[in-house]
Amino acid sequence: MDDSPTRRVVITGMGLISPLGNTKEALWDALASCRSGVGPIERLPAEHLPISCAAEVRDFTGAIDDFGPLAKDQKRNIRKGLKVMCREIQMGVAAAQLALSDAGLALGGYDPDRTGAIYGSDYILTDPDEFTEGVRHCSSPDNEFDFNRWATEGMPHVTPLWLLKYLPNMPASHIAIYNDLRGPNNSITLREASANLAVAEAYCTIARGHADIMLAGATGTRLHPLRTIHVALQEELAKGNGPPETLSRPFDLDRQGMVIGEGAAAVIVEDLETAQARSATILAEIVGFGSSCVMDRQGTGNVAKATENVIRQSLRKADMKPDDVGHIHAHGLSTRKCDAEEATAIKAVFGERKEPVPVTAAKSYMGNLGAGTGVVELIASVMALDKDRLFPILNYETPDPDCPISAVQSIETPPGDSFLSVNVTPQGQASAVLVRRVH
């Protein structure tokens, strides 16, 4: 990424599909009301899982009305394309359309050659049902699978276009096609770090003059017949028997693990002069970003060092000091190890501040949405700047000595004039974006 920007880059539109609602107003209402999006699992057979609760997007069905205001041709084309989109991709496209609408960018209202899209995602897993019939036709009476029969007897029972439903580059592709975005286009698959990196790349693309407007977003899920099993086997999940809304508790002494979720979000970022020329509503300005990967030879991630790196990079690129940051939107995964390592990184950079930096975490309300989390969190903090107050970390009751942070516990906490949003993966891949009010 180019780290020598020459143009100011601002946020002018925001769209989301989340467990807390599908508009920025609904998101803020949930945060300001301390209302959790976690509840009993309905999308998967929970009786076969070690967990029973998750943060599902209950108000998204994939119906065309979920995609917001659309031109007639767009509505027809998106409806036609839904059959080659899995749920993750549908949520990603819907969030993008909502962001474009929020920015006042109707089809034809921008220079398509100077407008592009960058979208993040997880690696998208196939629904096992795609292969059920094919596998059945290649199985013996004693349920032994015969690989030699697959090409001739199994594949004919697989939908020819099945792969298009799960390719991680498809969100950016669909969005560009439906909106005639002919500018720079890219896809990023780096788990939870994807969202901030998509925003950062969009920022750099505009800053170096390769585009005037970029749509940046990410979509993800931990709610999937295969993905949820992977997470249950590899990561630390909250398995408590208490009320669902109490399970996700970042940085709290009694945290047990993360809560899984699903969602997508997108922002419109553009050159300041372009935004002013079209009288756009300017929501905030992106002033810095960071990207780092730190792991040992065995592939074990060093979350603390990677997180510290991206925080310092973001401050350096923005020419800001730790005292200049109004609040931190932490990754706040609610696992024992990740929260402690993230807190260590925050202390390493901000420990000498005159006043402790307020730390909040939206995952306490909606769990981990995978790649989709980062932009939802970014939108939440932009809304906090707009409302001039922060939302507390839900369920933060008992401070953990291993997490020496200044956790936000009151809705009246001032957000300051800027914030740093951080995300990191268990493999030590971290990203951050630094945003401030427009001066």
Protein backbone atom coordinates (compact mmCIF):
# COMPACT_ATOMS: atom_id res chain seq x y z
CA MET A 1 0.00 0.00 0.00
CA ASP A 2 1.15 3.52 -0.77
CA ASP A 3 1.84 5.31 2.53
CA SER A 4 2.39 8.83 1.16
CA PRO A 5 -1.12 10.23 0.62
CA THR A 6 -1.59 13.56 -1.11
CA ARG A 7 -5.40 13.83 -0.99
CA ARG A 8 -7.73 13.89 2.02
CA VAL A 9 -10.08 10.92 2.18
CA VAL A 10 -13.49 11.09 3.87
CA ILE A 11 -16.39 8.76 4.67
CA THR A 12 -19.69 9.78 3.07
CA GLY A 13 -21.90 6.70 3.32
CA MET A 14 -22.39 3.64 5.54
CA GLY A 15 -24.42 0.46 5.14
CA LEU A 16 -24.65 -2.71 7.18
CA ILE A 17 -26.38 -6.04 7.69
CA SER A 18 -25.86 -7.01 11.31
CA PRO A 19 -27.31 -8.81 14.34
CA LEU A 20 -28.07 -5.34 15.76
CA GLY A 21 -30.04 -4.16 12.75
CA ASN A 22 -29.60 -3.28 9.11
CA THR A 23 -29.35 0.51 9.35
CA LYS A 24 -26.85 2.73 11.11
CA GLU A 25 -29.71 4.14 13.19
CA ALA A 26 -30.76 0.67 14.34
CA LEU A 27 -27.14 -0.16 15.17
CA TRP A 28 -26.75 2.95 17.29
CA ASP A 29 -30.08 2.41 19.03
CA ALA A 30 -28.95 -1.08 20.11
CA LEU A 31 -25.58 0.18 21.32
CA ALA A 32 -27.01 3.19 23.15
CA SER A 33 -29.66 0.97 24.76
CA CYS A 34 -27.13 -1.72 25.72
CA ARG A 35 -29.21 -4.25 23.80
CA SER A 36 -27.44 -7.43 22.75
CA GLY A 37 -27.92 -9.20 19.43
CA VAL A 38 -27.04 -12.60 20.88
CA GLY A 39 -29.77 -15.23 21.18
CA PRO A 40 -30.54 -18.93 20.72
CA ILE A 41 -29.19 -20.43 17.50
CA GLU A 42 -31.88 -20.91 14.86
CA ARG A 43 -29.89 -21.29 11.62
CA LEU A 44 -28.09 -24.49 12.66
CA PRO A 45 -29.06 -27.66 14.58
CA ALA A 46 -27.73 -26.48 17.93
CA GLU A 47 -28.39 -29.84 19.58
CA HIS A 48 -25.31 -31.15 17.77
CA LEU A 49 -23.07 -28.23 18.77
CA PRO A 50 -21.14 -27.41 21.96
CA ILE A 51 -22.84 -23.99 22.00
CA SER A 52 -26.47 -22.95 21.88
CA CYS A 53 -26.30 -19.17 21.29
CA ALA A 54 -25.05 -16.87 18.53
CA ALA A 55 -25.56 -13.43 17.03
CA GLU A 56 -27.68 -14.12 13.96
CA VAL A 57 -28.92 -11.57 11.44
CA ARG A 58 -32.60 -12.23 11.92
CA ASP A 59 -33.89 -9.42 9.68
CA PHE A 60 -32.14 -10.53 6.49
CA THR A 61 -33.67 -13.15 4.22
CA GLY A 62 -31.98 -12.33 0.92
CA ALA A 63 -35.21 -10.92 -0.50
CA ILE A 64 -34.70 -8.05 -2.93
CA ASP A 65 -36.19 -5.56 -0.46
CA ASP A 66 -33.22 -6.24 1.85
CA PHE A 67 -30.94 -4.50 -0.67
CA GLY A 68 -32.36 -1.02 -0.17
CA PRO A 69 -33.52 1.48 -2.83
CA LEU A 70 -32.59 0.25 -6.30
CA ALA A 71 -33.05 1.36 -9.88
CA LYS A 72 -35.37 -0.88 -11.89
CA ASP A 73 -32.53 -2.51 -13.84
CA GLN A 74 -30.49 -3.03 -10.67
CA LYS A 75 -33.41 -4.69 -8.94
CA ARG A 76 -33.90 -7.06 -11.86
CA ASN A 77 -30.20 -7.89 -12.14
CA ILE A 78 -29.66 -8.47 -8.43
CA ARG A 79 -32.77 -10.62 -8.16
CA LYS A 80 -31.49 -12.70 -11.07
CA GLY A 81 -28.04 -13.00 -9.49
CA LEU A 82 -29.22 -14.16 -6.07
CA LYS A 83 -29.14 -17.78 -7.19
CA VAL A 84 -25.35 -17.60 -7.52
CA MET A 85 -24.80 -15.93 -4.14
CA CYS A 86 -24.46 -17.71 -0.82
CA ARG A 87 -25.72 -15.91 2.28
CA GLU A 88 -22.35 -14.27 3.00
CA ILE A 89 -22.17 -12.78 -0.48
CA GLN A 90 -25.81 -11.68 -0.37
CA MET A 91 -25.17 -9.83 2.89
CA GLY A 92 -22.07 -8.22 1.41
CA VAL A 93 -23.86 -6.98 -1.69
CA ALA A 94 -26.81 -5.72 0.37
CA ALA A 95 -24.52 -3.77 2.72
CA ALA A 96 -22.80 -2.21 -0.29
CA GLN A 97 -26.08 -1.13 -1.87
CA LEU A 98 -27.21 0.39 1.42
CA ALA A 99 -23.93 2.30 1.71
CA LEU A 100 -24.26 3.69 -1.82
CA SER A 101 -27.80 4.79 -1.04
CA ASP A 102 -26.70 6.39 2.23
CA ALA A 103 -24.03 8.34 0.35
CA GLY A 104 -26.55 9.59 -2.20
CA LEU A 105 -24.75 7.80 -5.02
CA ALA A 106 -27.47 6.61 -7.35
CA LEU A 107 -26.48 4.69 -10.48
CA GLY A 108 -25.14 7.22 -12.99
CA GLY A 109 -24.41 9.85 -10.35
CA TYR A 110 -20.65 9.30 -10.41
CA ASP A 111 -17.81 8.77 -12.88
CA PRO A 112 -17.69 4.96 -13.22
CA ASP A 113 -14.06 4.98 -14.40
CA ARG A 114 -13.03 6.80 -11.21
CA THR A 115 -15.12 4.69 -8.82
CA GLY A 116 -14.15 1.24 -7.56
CA ALA A 117 -14.73 -1.41 -4.91
CA ILE A 118 -12.58 -3.33 -2.44
CA TYR A 119 -14.21 -6.02 -0.36
CA GLY A 120 -12.98 -8.32 2.37
CA SER A 121 -14.24 -11.76 3.32
CA ASP A 122 -13.34 -14.97 5.05
CA TYR A 123 -12.57 -17.98 2.91
CA ILE A 124 -16.15 -18.88 2.04
CA LEU A 125 -17.15 -22.48 2.69
CA THR A 126 -19.53 -24.47 0.52
CA ASP A 127 -22.84 -25.63 1.91
CA PRO A 128 -22.54 -29.44 2.22
CA ASP A 129 -25.96 -29.81 0.60
CA GLU A 130 -24.38 -28.78 -2.72
CA PHE A 131 -22.78 -32.26 -2.91
CA THR A 132 -25.30 -34.44 -1.10
CA GLU A 133 -26.92 -35.94 -4.19
CA GLY A 134 -23.62 -36.42 -5.97
CA VAL A 135 -22.11 -38.22 -2.99
CA ARG A 136 -25.20 -40.38 -2.62
CA HIS A 137 -24.90 -41.57 -6.22
CA CYS A 138 -21.28 -42.61 -5.61
CA SER A 139 -21.91 -44.52 -2.41
CA SER A 140 -22.14 -48.28 -2.04
CA PRO A 141 -24.93 -50.01 -0.09
CA ASP A 142 -22.65 -50.03 2.97
CA ASN A 143 -22.09 -46.25 2.61
CA GLU A 144 -18.54 -46.46 1.27
CA PHE A 145 -17.71 -43.58 -1.12
CA ASP A 146 -16.23 -44.63 -4.48
CA PHE A 147 -14.01 -41.86 -5.86
CA ASN A 148 -13.78 -43.58 -9.24
CA ARG A 149 -17.50 -42.97 -9.83
CA TRP A 150 -17.47 -39.24 -9.00
CA ALA A 151 -16.70 -37.82 -12.46
CA THR A 152 -19.38 -39.82 -14.24
CA GLU A 153 -22.04 -40.39 -11.57
CA GLY A 154 -21.49 -37.70 -8.95
CA MET A 155 -20.68 -34.46 -10.77
CA PRO A 156 -23.83 -34.52 -12.95
CA HIS A 157 -25.80 -33.98 -9.72
CA VAL A 158 -23.85 -30.86 -8.76
CA THR A 159 -25.16 -27.49 -9.97
CA PRO A 160 -22.76 -26.35 -12.73
CA LEU A 161 -22.38 -22.85 -11.27
CA TRP A 162 -22.00 -23.95 -7.65
CA LEU A 163 -18.50 -22.51 -7.29
CA LEU A 164 -19.65 -18.97 -8.12
CA LYS A 165 -21.72 -18.97 -4.94
CA TYR A 166 -18.63 -19.28 -2.75
CA LEU A 167 -15.69 -17.49 -4.39
CA PRO A 168 -14.36 -14.76 -2.04
CA ASN A 169 -13.86 -12.33 -4.93
CA MET A 170 -17.54 -12.41 -5.84
CA PRO A 171 -18.77 -9.68 -3.46
CA ALA A 172 -16.53 -7.09 -5.12
CA SER A 173 -17.38 -8.50 -8.55
CA HIS A 174 -21.15 -8.38 -8.06
CA ILE A 175 -21.00 -4.90 -6.54
CA ALA A 176 -18.92 -3.55 -9.42
CA ILE A 177 -21.19 -5.10 -12.06
CA TYR A 178 -24.49 -4.00 -10.53
CA ASN A 179 -23.26 -0.43 -10.04
CA ASP A 180 -21.00 -0.04 -13.10
CA LEU A 181 -17.90 0.56 -10.99
CA ARG A 182 -15.05 0.38 -13.50
CA GLY A 183 -12.31 1.73 -11.23
CA PRO A 184 -9.85 -0.25 -9.06
CA ASN A 185 -11.28 -3.52 -7.75
CA ASN A 186 -9.82 -5.97 -5.27
CA SER A 187 -10.72 -8.67 -2.76
CA ILE A 188 -9.02 -9.34 0.58
CA THR A 189 -9.29 -12.60 2.53
CA LEU A 190 -7.52 -12.21 5.86
CA ARG A 191 -10.15 -13.28 8.36
CA GLU A 192 -10.99 -10.60 10.92
CA ALA A 193 -8.22 -8.31 9.62
CA SER A 194 -9.88 -8.08 6.19
CA ALA A 195 -12.28 -5.21 6.86
CA ASN A 196 -9.77 -2.62 8.02
CA LEU A 197 -7.40 -3.62 5.23
CA ALA A 198 -10.16 -3.07 2.65
CA VAL A 199 -10.78 0.41 4.06
CA ALA A 200 -7.04 1.09 4.15
CA GLU A 201 -6.55 0.04 0.54
CA ALA A 202 -9.49 2.18 -0.55
CA TYR A 203 -7.94 5.10 1.34
CA CYS A 204 -4.59 4.61 -0.40
CA THR A 205 -6.19 4.19 -3.82
CA ILE A 206 -7.87 7.58 -3.51
CA ALA A 207 -4.93 9.27 -1.79
CA ARG A 208 -2.58 8.41 -4.65
CA GLY A 209 -5.07 9.62 -7.25
CA HIS A 210 -6.14 6.32 -8.81
CA ALA A 211 -9.82 6.86 -7.95
CA ASP A 212 -12.13 9.55 -6.59
CA ILE A 213 -14.68 7.30 -4.87
CA MET A 214 -14.27 3.79 -3.46
CA LEU A 215 -16.67 1.38 -1.82
CA ALA A 216 -14.92 -0.56 0.94
CA GLY A 217 -16.48 -3.31 2.99
CA ALA A 218 -16.36 -6.88 4.23
CA THR A 219 -18.67 -9.80 4.86
CA GLY A 220 -18.28 -12.85 7.04
CA THR A 221 -19.82 -15.49 9.23
CA ARG A 222 -19.05 -18.00 11.93
CA LEU A 223 -22.54 -19.50 11.49
CA HIS A 224 -22.23 -22.25 8.90
CA PRO A 225 -22.53 -26.06 8.97
CA LEU A 226 -18.76 -26.43 8.43
CA ARG A 227 -17.40 -23.12 9.69
CA THR A 228 -19.04 -23.46 13.10
CA ILE A 229 -17.51 -26.92 13.51
CA HIS A 230 -14.08 -25.54 12.59
CA VAL A 231 -14.45 -22.73 15.12
CA ALA A 232 -15.63 -25.12 17.83
CA LEU A 233 -12.59 -27.34 17.27
CA GLN A 234 -9.98 -24.60 16.95
CA GLU A 235 -11.05 -21.59 19.01
CA GLU A 236 -12.27 -20.62 22.46
CA LEU A 237 -16.07 -20.33 22.56
CA ALA A 238 -18.37 -19.04 25.28
CA LYS A 239 -20.29 -22.09 26.48
CA GLY A 240 -21.90 -20.68 29.61
CA ASN A 241 -25.43 -21.50 30.69
CA GLY A 242 -26.42 -17.93 31.56
CA PRO A 243 -28.66 -15.64 29.51
CA PRO A 244 -27.42 -15.35 25.89
CA GLU A 245 -26.89 -11.60 26.16
CA THR A 246 -24.33 -12.10 28.96
CA LEU A 247 -22.01 -14.48 27.11
CA SER A 248 -19.80 -12.02 25.24
CA ARG A 249 -17.84 -10.03 27.83
CA PRO A 250 -14.57 -8.63 26.42
CA PHE A 251 -11.82 -7.87 28.96
CA ASP A 252 -14.00 -8.99 31.88
CA LEU A 253 -12.40 -11.29 34.44
CA ASP A 254 -15.11 -13.92 33.94
CA ARG A 255 -15.02 -14.07 30.13
CA GLN A 256 -15.16 -17.61 28.76
CA GLY A 257 -14.69 -17.19 25.03
CA MET A 258 -16.12 -15.58 21.93
CA VAL A 259 -19.68 -15.69 20.66
CA ILE A 260 -20.10 -16.49 16.97
CA GLY A 261 -22.08 -14.28 14.62
CA GLU A 262 -22.62 -13.17 11.02
CA GLY A 263 -22.84 -9.88 9.17
CA ALA A 264 -21.49 -7.44 6.61
CA ALA A 265 -20.88 -3.73 6.29
CA ALA A 266 -19.54 -1.19 3.80
CA VAL A 267 -18.51 2.45 3.71
CA ILE A 268 -18.20 4.92 0.87
CA VAL A 269 -14.90 6.76 0.97
CA GLU A 270 -13.99 9.57 -1.38
CA ASP A 271 -11.66 12.43 -2.05
CA LEU A 272 -12.65 15.42 0.06
CA GLU A 273 -12.91 17.77 -2.91
CA THR A 274 -15.08 15.28 -4.82
CA ALA A 275 -17.39 14.97 -1.82
CA GLN A 276 -17.62 18.73 -1.40
CA ALA A 277 -18.29 19.26 -5.10
CA ARG A 278 -21.40 17.07 -4.93
CA SER A 279 -22.47 18.49 -1.54
CA ALA A 280 -22.15 15.11 0.15
CA THR A 281 -22.66 14.68 3.87
CA ILE A 282 -19.17 14.14 5.28
CA LEU A 283 -19.25 11.77 8.25
CA ALA A 284 -15.56 11.49 9.17
CA GLU A 285 -12.05 11.50 7.74
CA ILE A 286 -9.64 8.57 7.45
CA VAL A 287 -6.17 9.72 8.46
CA GLY A 288 -4.13 6.58 9.07
CA PHE A 289 -3.96 2.80 8.99
CA GLY A 290 -1.73 -0.08 9.99
CA SER A 291 -1.05 -3.63 8.81
CA SER A 292 1.17 -6.24 10.45
CA CYS A 293 1.66 -9.99 10.73
CA VAL A 294 3.73 -11.45 13.55
CA MET A 295 4.07 -15.20 14.14
CA ASP A 296 6.73 -17.71 15.11
CA ARG A 297 8.17 -20.50 12.98
CA GLN A 298 5.34 -22.81 13.98
CA GLY A 299 2.75 -20.32 12.78
CA THR A 300 1.60 -19.27 16.26
CA GLY A 301 0.47 -15.67 16.14
CA ASN A 302 1.87 -12.95 18.39
CA VAL A 303 -1.31 -10.94 18.81
CA ALA A 304 0.23 -8.43 21.22
CA LYS A 305 3.12 -7.44 18.96
CA ALA A 306 1.04 -7.38 15.77
CA THR A 307 -1.56 -5.19 17.46
CA GLU A 308 1.06 -2.85 18.87
CA ASN A 309 2.61 -2.57 15.41
CA VAL A 310 -0.61 -1.49 13.69
CA ILE A 311 -1.42 1.03 16.39
CA ARG A 312 1.99 2.65 16.07
CA GLN A 313 1.82 2.59 12.26
CA SER A 314 -1.58 4.27 12.27
CA LEU A 315 -0.40 7.05 14.57
CA ARG A 316 2.74 7.58 12.52
CA LYS A 317 0.87 7.79 9.21
CA ALA A 318 -1.59 10.28 10.72
CA ASP A 319 1.19 12.27 12.40
CA MET A 320 -0.66 11.89 15.69
CA LYS A 321 0.44 11.10 19.23
CA PRO A 322 -1.21 8.67 21.68
CA ASP A 323 -2.73 11.62 23.54
CA ASP A 324 -4.52 12.69 20.34
CA VAL A 325 -6.71 9.55 20.15
CA GLY A 326 -10.24 9.99 21.51
CA HIS A 327 -11.06 6.31 21.95
CA ILE A 328 -10.06 2.84 20.85
CA HIS A 329 -12.53 0.43 19.30
CA ALA A 330 -10.84 -2.78 20.38
CA HIS A 331 -11.02 -6.18 18.73
CA GLY A 332 -12.39 -7.35 22.09
CA LEU A 333 -12.90 -10.99 21.15
CA SER A 334 -13.81 -12.07 24.71
CA THR A 335 -11.25 -14.90 24.83
CA ARG A 336 -8.76 -15.22 27.68
CA LYS A 337 -5.64 -15.03 25.53
CA CYS A 338 -6.60 -12.56 22.80
CA ASP A 339 -8.05 -9.95 25.15
CA ALA A 340 -5.00 -10.07 27.41
CA GLU A 341 -2.61 -9.72 24.47
CA GLU A 342 -4.61 -6.86 22.98
CA ALA A 343 -4.65 -5.08 26.33
CA THR A 344 -0.88 -5.51 26.53
CA ALA A 345 -0.51 -3.80 23.15
CA ILE A 346 -2.79 -0.93 24.15
CA LYS A 347 -0.84 -0.38 27.36
CA ALA A 348 2.48 -0.47 25.47
CA VAL A 349 1.40 2.45 23.28
CA PHE A 350 -0.98 4.40 25.50
CA GLY A 351 0.34 3.59 28.97
CA GLU A 352 2.07 6.95 29.39
CA ARG A 353 -0.93 9.09 28.42
CA LYS A 354 -1.95 11.89 30.73
CA GLU A 355 -5.48 10.43 30.80
CA PRO A 356 -6.33 6.76 30.08
CA VAL A 357 -7.70 6.19 26.59
CA PRO A 358 -11.33 4.94 26.66
CA VAL A 359 -11.71 1.46 25.16
CA THR A 360 -14.96 0.03 23.82
CA ALA A 361 -15.86 -3.18 21.96
CA ALA A 362 -18.98 -3.84 19.89
CA LYS A 363 -18.33 -7.59 19.93
CA SER A 364 -19.79 -7.51 23.42
CA TYR A 365 -23.14 -6.87 21.68
CA MET A 366 -22.83 -8.98 18.53
CA GLY A 367 -20.01 -11.48 18.89
CA ASN A 368 -17.50 -12.21 16.15
CA LEU A 369 -18.87 -11.74 12.63
CA GLY A 370 -15.61 -12.89 11.05
CA ALA A 371 -14.35 -10.63 8.28
CA GLY A 372 -17.56 -8.61 8.45
CA THR A 373 -16.93 -7.36 11.98
CA GLY A 374 -14.42 -4.60 11.29
CA VAL A 375 -16.56 -2.26 9.21
CA VAL A 376 -19.55 -2.69 11.54
CA GLU A 377 -17.26 -1.58 14.37
CA LEU A 378 -15.98 1.32 12.27
CA ILE A 379 -19.55 2.46 11.64
CA ALA A 380 -20.35 2.15 15.35
CA SER A 381 -17.50 4.49 16.26
CA VAL A 382 -18.38 6.97 13.50
CA MET A 383 -21.89 7.03 14.96
CA ALA A 384 -20.37 7.65 18.40
CA LEU A 385 -18.57 10.71 17.01
CA ASP A 386 -21.85 11.91 15.52
CA LYS A 387 -23.80 11.38 18.76
CA ASP A 388 -20.89 12.70 20.83
CA ARG A 389 -21.00 9.82 23.29
CA LEU A 390 -19.61 6.32 23.51
CA PHE A 391 -21.36 3.03 24.16
CA PRO A 392 -20.14 0.88 27.06
CA ILE A 393 -18.60 -2.57 26.82
CA LEU A 394 -21.56 -4.82 27.51
CA ASN A 395 -21.14 -7.25 30.42
CA TYR A 396 -17.92 -5.65 31.64
CA GLU A 397 -18.37 -6.09 35.39
CA THR A 398 -15.12 -7.27 36.96
CA PRO A 399 -11.79 -5.84 35.74
CA ASP A 400 -9.14 -8.40 34.85
CA PRO A 401 -5.62 -7.57 36.10
CA ASP A 402 -4.32 -9.10 32.86
CA CYS A 403 -6.32 -6.54 30.86
CA PRO A 404 -5.21 -3.11 32.15
CA ILE A 405 -7.48 -0.97 29.98
CA SER A 406 -9.87 1.89 30.67
CA ALA A 407 -13.08 0.13 29.67
CA VAL A 408 -16.02 2.34 28.71
CA GLN A 409 -18.79 1.71 31.26
CA SER A 410 -21.08 4.68 30.68
CA ILE A 411 -23.09 5.89 27.69
CA GLU A 412 -22.06 9.40 28.66
CA THR A 413 -18.35 8.82 28.03
CA PRO A 414 -17.10 11.35 25.43
CA PRO A 415 -15.76 9.74 22.22
CA GLY A 416 -13.18 12.45 21.60
CA ASP A 417 -12.42 13.76 18.13
CA SER A 418 -10.82 10.59 16.77
CA PHE A 419 -10.72 6.84 17.20
CA LEU A 420 -8.58 3.85 16.37
CA SER A 421 -10.36 0.67 15.26
CA VAL A 422 -8.33 -2.53 15.62
CA ASN A 423 -8.81 -6.13 14.50
CA VAL A 424 -6.54 -9.16 14.69
CA THR A 425 -6.59 -12.88 13.85
CA PRO A 426 -5.35 -15.79 16.00
CA GLN A 427 -2.50 -16.13 13.48
CA GLY A 428 -1.16 -12.69 14.41
CA GLN A 429 -2.48 -10.79 11.39
CA ALA A 430 -3.56 -7.35 12.57
CA SER A 431 -5.05 -4.26 10.97
CA ALA A 432 -6.15 -0.84 12.17
CA VAL A 433 -7.76 2.31 10.82
CA LEU A 434 -7.48 5.77 12.40
CA VAL A 435 -10.46 8.08 11.87
CA ARG A 436 -11.23 11.61 13.07
CA ARG A 437 -13.85 14.30 12.81
CA VAL A 438 -13.46 16.52 9.75
CA HIS A 439 -11.85 19.83 10.64
